[in-house]
């Protein structure tokens, strides 16, 4: 399956025609710039059927490194980063752990993140393995 990744950016946009048009113009420009980067696989701009204020920009990349390198390019910094900075403040990068092609069976892959090396919220064991003693020791 490879080590590809998904980037999911969600936006809330005013529903008046001018705001929707401006957002669509900026988002398609950002998508075009992202699509020109090495390691880009595909991308979609979508709007929620149930609430036209909710939008998503979903891109797929060959790897985390490809995505990070793309973010560092001049064109992405100028044309995509300002838009991405306005997305809902939540995690946006996802490793792909399963896939099913049309008519096919789902294929799973293991995470390339070890529990010991993972950082951030939700990383590692849900409860301390030492009964919480290390947390007590680290308090001032």
C-alpha atoms as a PDB file:
ATOM      1  CA  UNK A   1       0.000   0.000   0.000  1.00  0.00           C
ATOM      2  CA  UNK A   2       2.936   2.331   0.428  1.00  0.00           C
ATOM      3  CA  UNK A   3       3.376   4.988   3.048  1.00  0.00           C
ATOM      4  CA  UNK A   4       1.065   7.540   1.509  1.00  0.00           C
ATOM      5  CA  UNK A   5      -0.809  10.043   3.602  1.00  0.00           C
ATOM      6  CA  UNK A   6      -3.951  12.146   3.536  1.00  0.00           C
ATOM      7  CA  UNK A   7      -4.247  15.797   4.459  1.00  0.00           C
ATOM      8  CA  UNK A   8      -7.763  16.874   5.419  1.00  0.00           C
ATOM      9  CA  UNK A   9      -8.365  20.586   5.887  1.00  0.00           C
ATOM     10  CA  UNK A  10     -11.867  21.703   6.851  1.00  0.00           C
ATOM     11  CA  UNK A  11     -13.187  25.238   6.488  1.00  0.00           C
ATOM     12  CA  UNK A  12     -16.249  27.171   7.566  1.00  0.00           C
ATOM     13  CA  UNK A  13     -17.163  29.815   4.993  1.00  0.00           C
ATOM     14  CA  UNK A  14     -19.931  32.400   5.085  1.00  0.00           C
ATOM     15  CA  UNK A  15     -22.801  31.330   2.841  1.00  0.00           C
ATOM     16  CA  UNK A  16     -23.259  34.561   0.923  1.00  0.00           C
ATOM     17  CA  UNK A  17     -22.394  34.299  -2.764  1.00  0.00           C
ATOM     18  CA  UNK A  18     -19.402  36.654  -2.605  1.00  0.00           C
ATOM     19  CA  UNK A  19     -17.748  34.739   0.252  1.00  0.00           C
ATOM     20  CA  UNK A  20     -18.391  31.371  -1.397  1.00  0.00           C
ATOM     21  CA  UNK A  21     -16.966  32.596  -4.726  1.00  0.00           C
ATOM     22  CA  UNK A  22     -13.882  34.104  -3.084  1.00  0.00           C
ATOM     23  CA  UNK A  23     -13.235  30.918  -1.105  1.00  0.00           C
ATOM     24  CA  UNK A  24     -13.703  28.697  -4.167  1.00  0.00           C
ATOM     25  CA  UNK A  25     -11.280  30.855  -6.174  1.00  0.00           C
ATOM     26  CA  UNK A  26      -8.637  30.752  -3.424  1.00  0.00           C
ATOM     27  CA  UNK A  27      -9.114  27.034  -2.781  1.00  0.00           C
ATOM     28  CA  UNK A  28      -8.845  26.026  -6.438  1.00  0.00           C
ATOM     29  CA  UNK A  29      -5.720  28.188  -6.800  1.00  0.00           C
ATOM     30  CA  UNK A  30      -4.233  26.460  -3.735  1.00  0.00           C
ATOM     31  CA  UNK A  31      -5.180  23.047  -5.123  1.00  0.00           C
ATOM     32  CA  UNK A  32      -3.481  23.826  -8.448  1.00  0.00           C
ATOM     33  CA  UNK A  33      -0.272  24.894  -6.685  1.00  0.00           C
ATOM     34  CA  UNK A  34      -0.298  21.798  -4.479  1.00  0.00           C
ATOM     35  CA  UNK A  35      -0.947  19.581  -7.525  1.00  0.00           C
ATOM     36  CA  UNK A  36       2.238  20.892  -9.151  1.00  0.00           C
ATOM     37  CA  UNK A  37       4.408  19.650  -6.271  1.00  0.00           C
ATOM     38  CA  UNK A  38       6.519  16.489  -6.325  1.00  0.00           C
ATOM     39  CA  UNK A  39       4.863  13.683  -4.361  1.00  0.00           C
ATOM     40  CA  UNK A  40       1.298  14.971  -4.839  1.00  0.00           C
ATOM     41  CA  UNK A  41      -1.101  12.111  -5.664  1.00  0.00           C
ATOM     42  CA  UNK A  42      -4.577  13.706  -5.875  1.00  0.00           C
ATOM     43  CA  UNK A  43      -6.787  16.332  -4.326  1.00  0.00           C
ATOM     44  CA  UNK A  44     -10.438  17.241  -3.948  1.00  0.00           C
ATOM     45  CA  UNK A  45     -12.311  20.358  -2.910  1.00  0.00           C
ATOM     46  CA  UNK A  46     -15.716  19.569  -1.477  1.00  0.00           C
ATOM     47  CA  UNK A  47     -18.683  21.272   0.124  1.00  0.00           C
ATOM     48  CA  UNK A  48     -21.055  19.587   2.568  1.00  0.00           C
ATOM     49  CA  UNK A  49     -24.461  18.715   1.138  1.00  0.00           C
ATOM     50  CA  UNK A  50     -26.152  19.358   4.476  1.00  0.00           C
ATOM     51  CA  UNK A  51     -24.501  22.690   5.293  1.00  0.00           C
ATOM     52  CA  UNK A  52     -23.037  24.841   2.502  1.00  0.00           C
ATOM     53  CA  UNK A  53     -20.839  26.708   5.008  1.00  0.00           C
ATOM     54  CA  UNK A  54     -18.702  23.583   5.541  1.00  0.00           C
ATOM     55  CA  UNK A  55     -15.944  22.847   3.019  1.00  0.00           C
ATOM     56  CA  UNK A  56     -13.028  20.430   2.824  1.00  0.00           C
ATOM     57  CA  UNK A  57      -9.787  20.321   0.911  1.00  0.00           C
ATOM     58  CA  UNK A  58      -8.441  16.761   0.875  1.00  0.00           C
ATOM     59  CA  UNK A  59      -5.083  15.945  -0.679  1.00  0.00           C
ATOM     60  CA  UNK A  60      -3.136  12.697  -0.877  1.00  0.00           C
ATOM     61  CA  UNK A  61       0.662  12.553  -0.885  1.00  0.00           C
ATOM     62  CA  UNK A  62       3.266   9.862  -1.513  1.00  0.00           C
ATOM     63  CA  UNK A  63       4.749  10.439   1.946  1.00  0.00           C
ATOM     64  CA  UNK A  64       4.884  12.788   4.909  1.00  0.00           C
ATOM     65  CA  UNK A  65       8.233  14.032   3.603  1.00  0.00           C
ATOM     66  CA  UNK A  66       6.762  14.900   0.201  1.00  0.00           C
ATOM     67  CA  UNK A  67       4.005  16.909   1.870  1.00  0.00           C
ATOM     68  CA  UNK A  68       6.426  18.736   4.159  1.00  0.00           C
ATOM     69  CA  UNK A  69       8.751  19.558   1.260  1.00  0.00           C
ATOM     70  CA  UNK A  70       5.777  20.882  -0.728  1.00  0.00           C
ATOM     71  CA  UNK A  71       4.827  23.193   2.153  1.00  0.00           C
ATOM     72  CA  UNK A  72       8.311  24.686   1.989  1.00  0.00           C
ATOM     73  CA  UNK A  73       8.121  25.773  -1.650  1.00  0.00           C
ATOM     74  CA  UNK A  74       7.662  29.429  -2.526  1.00  0.00           C
ATOM     75  CA  UNK A  75       4.457  28.940  -4.554  1.00  0.00           C
ATOM     76  CA  UNK A  76       2.780  26.922  -1.803  1.00  0.00           C
ATOM     77  CA  UNK A  77       3.788  29.482   0.827  1.00  0.00           C
ATOM     78  CA  UNK A  78       2.276  32.278  -1.280  1.00  0.00           C
ATOM     79  CA  UNK A  79      -0.837  30.607  -2.743  1.00  0.00           C
ATOM     80  CA  UNK A  80      -1.816  27.757  -0.395  1.00  0.00           C
ATOM     81  CA  UNK A  81      -0.505  28.419   3.112  1.00  0.00           C
ATOM     82  CA  UNK A  82      -2.656  31.535   3.724  1.00  0.00           C
ATOM     83  CA  UNK A  83      -5.762  29.477   2.899  1.00  0.00           C
ATOM     84  CA  UNK A  84      -4.642  26.445   4.919  1.00  0.00           C
ATOM     85  CA  UNK A  85      -4.027  28.713   7.916  1.00  0.00           C
ATOM     86  CA  UNK A  86      -7.747  29.543   7.895  1.00  0.00           C
ATOM     87  CA  UNK A  87      -8.825  25.921   8.207  1.00  0.00           C
ATOM     88  CA  UNK A  88     -10.471  24.551  11.344  1.00  0.00           C
ATOM     89  CA  UNK A  89      -7.801  24.153  14.044  1.00  0.00           C
ATOM     90  CA  UNK A  90      -7.552  20.364  14.312  1.00  0.00           C
ATOM     91  CA  UNK A  91      -5.157  17.618  13.223  1.00  0.00           C
ATOM     92  CA  UNK A  92      -5.042  17.468   9.430  1.00  0.00           C
ATOM     93  CA  UNK A  93      -2.352  14.883   8.474  1.00  0.00           C
ATOM     94  CA  UNK A  94      -3.354  11.217   8.504  1.00  0.00           C
ATOM     95  CA  UNK A  95      -1.387   8.084   7.727  1.00  0.00           C
ATOM     96  CA  UNK A  96      -3.275   5.661   5.479  1.00  0.00           C
ATOM     97  CA  UNK A  97      -3.869   2.396   7.332  1.00  0.00           C
ATOM     98  CA  UNK A  98      -6.491   0.814   5.093  1.00  0.00           C
ATOM     99  CA  UNK A  99      -7.738   0.943   1.525  1.00  0.00           C
ATOM    100  CA  UNK A 100     -10.299  -0.804  -0.655  1.00  0.00           C
ATOM    101  CA  UNK A 101     -10.481  -0.466  -4.425  1.00  0.00           C
ATOM    102  CA  UNK A 102     -13.879  -0.737  -6.159  1.00  0.00           C
ATOM    103  CA  UNK A 103     -15.110  -4.324  -5.887  1.00  0.00           C
ATOM    104  CA  UNK A 104     -12.026  -5.340  -3.913  1.00  0.00           C
ATOM    105  CA  UNK A 105     -11.300  -6.379  -0.387  1.00  0.00           C
ATOM    106  CA  UNK A 106     -10.047  -3.947   2.200  1.00  0.00           C
ATOM    107  CA  UNK A 107      -6.296  -4.076   2.697  1.00  0.00           C
ATOM    108  CA  UNK A 108      -4.797  -2.966   5.985  1.00  0.00           C
ATOM    109  CA  UNK A 109      -1.276  -1.820   6.709  1.00  0.00           C
ATOM    110  CA  UNK A 110       0.580  -1.344   9.937  1.00  0.00           C
ATOM    111  CA  UNK A 111       1.431   2.087  11.231  1.00  0.00           C
ATOM    112  CA  UNK A 112       5.004   3.172  10.734  1.00  0.00           C
ATOM    113  CA  UNK A 113       4.785   5.061  14.039  1.00  0.00           C
ATOM    114  CA  UNK A 114       5.849   3.042  17.042  1.00  0.00           C
ATOM    115  CA  UNK A 115       4.019   3.712  20.289  1.00  0.00           C
ATOM    116  CA  UNK A 116       7.338   4.554  21.938  1.00  0.00           C
ATOM    117  CA  UNK A 117       8.316   7.068  19.255  1.00  0.00           C
ATOM    118  CA  UNK A 118       4.917   8.700  18.865  1.00  0.00           C
ATOM    119  CA  UNK A 119       4.350  12.080  20.436  1.00  0.00           C
ATOM    120  CA  UNK A 120       1.366  14.315  20.971  1.00  0.00           C
ATOM    121  CA  UNK A 121      -2.137  13.755  22.300  1.00  0.00           C
ATOM    122  CA  UNK A 122      -3.201  10.140  22.207  1.00  0.00           C
ATOM    123  CA  UNK A 123       0.303   8.819  21.587  1.00  0.00           C
ATOM    124  CA  UNK A 124       1.577   5.874  23.559  1.00  0.00           C
ATOM    125  CA  UNK A 125      -0.303   3.879  26.177  1.00  0.00           C
ATOM    126  CA  UNK A 126      -3.619   5.247  27.453  1.00  0.00           C
ATOM    127  CA  UNK A 127      -2.528   4.721  31.053  1.00  0.00           C
ATOM    128  CA  UNK A 128       0.925   4.921  32.626  1.00  0.00           C
ATOM    129  CA  UNK A 129       2.635   1.541  32.866  1.00  0.00           C
ATOM    130  CA  UNK A 130       4.209   2.485  36.210  1.00  0.00           C
ATOM    131  CA  UNK A 131       0.969   3.289  38.018  1.00  0.00           C
ATOM    132  CA  UNK A 132       1.473   7.034  37.500  1.00  0.00           C
ATOM    133  CA  UNK A 133       4.668   7.240  39.560  1.00  0.00           C
ATOM    134  CA  UNK A 134       6.643   8.979  36.789  1.00  0.00           C
ATOM    135  CA  UNK A 135       3.942  11.648  36.442  1.00  0.00           C
ATOM    136  CA  UNK A 136       4.146  12.318  40.176  1.00  0.00           C
ATOM    137  CA  UNK A 137       7.938  12.575  40.044  1.00  0.00           C
ATOM    138  CA  UNK A 138       7.850  15.151  37.261  1.00  0.00           C
ATOM    139  CA  UNK A 139       5.591  17.582  39.107  1.00  0.00           C
ATOM    140  CA  UNK A 140       7.278  20.647  40.644  1.00  0.00           C
END
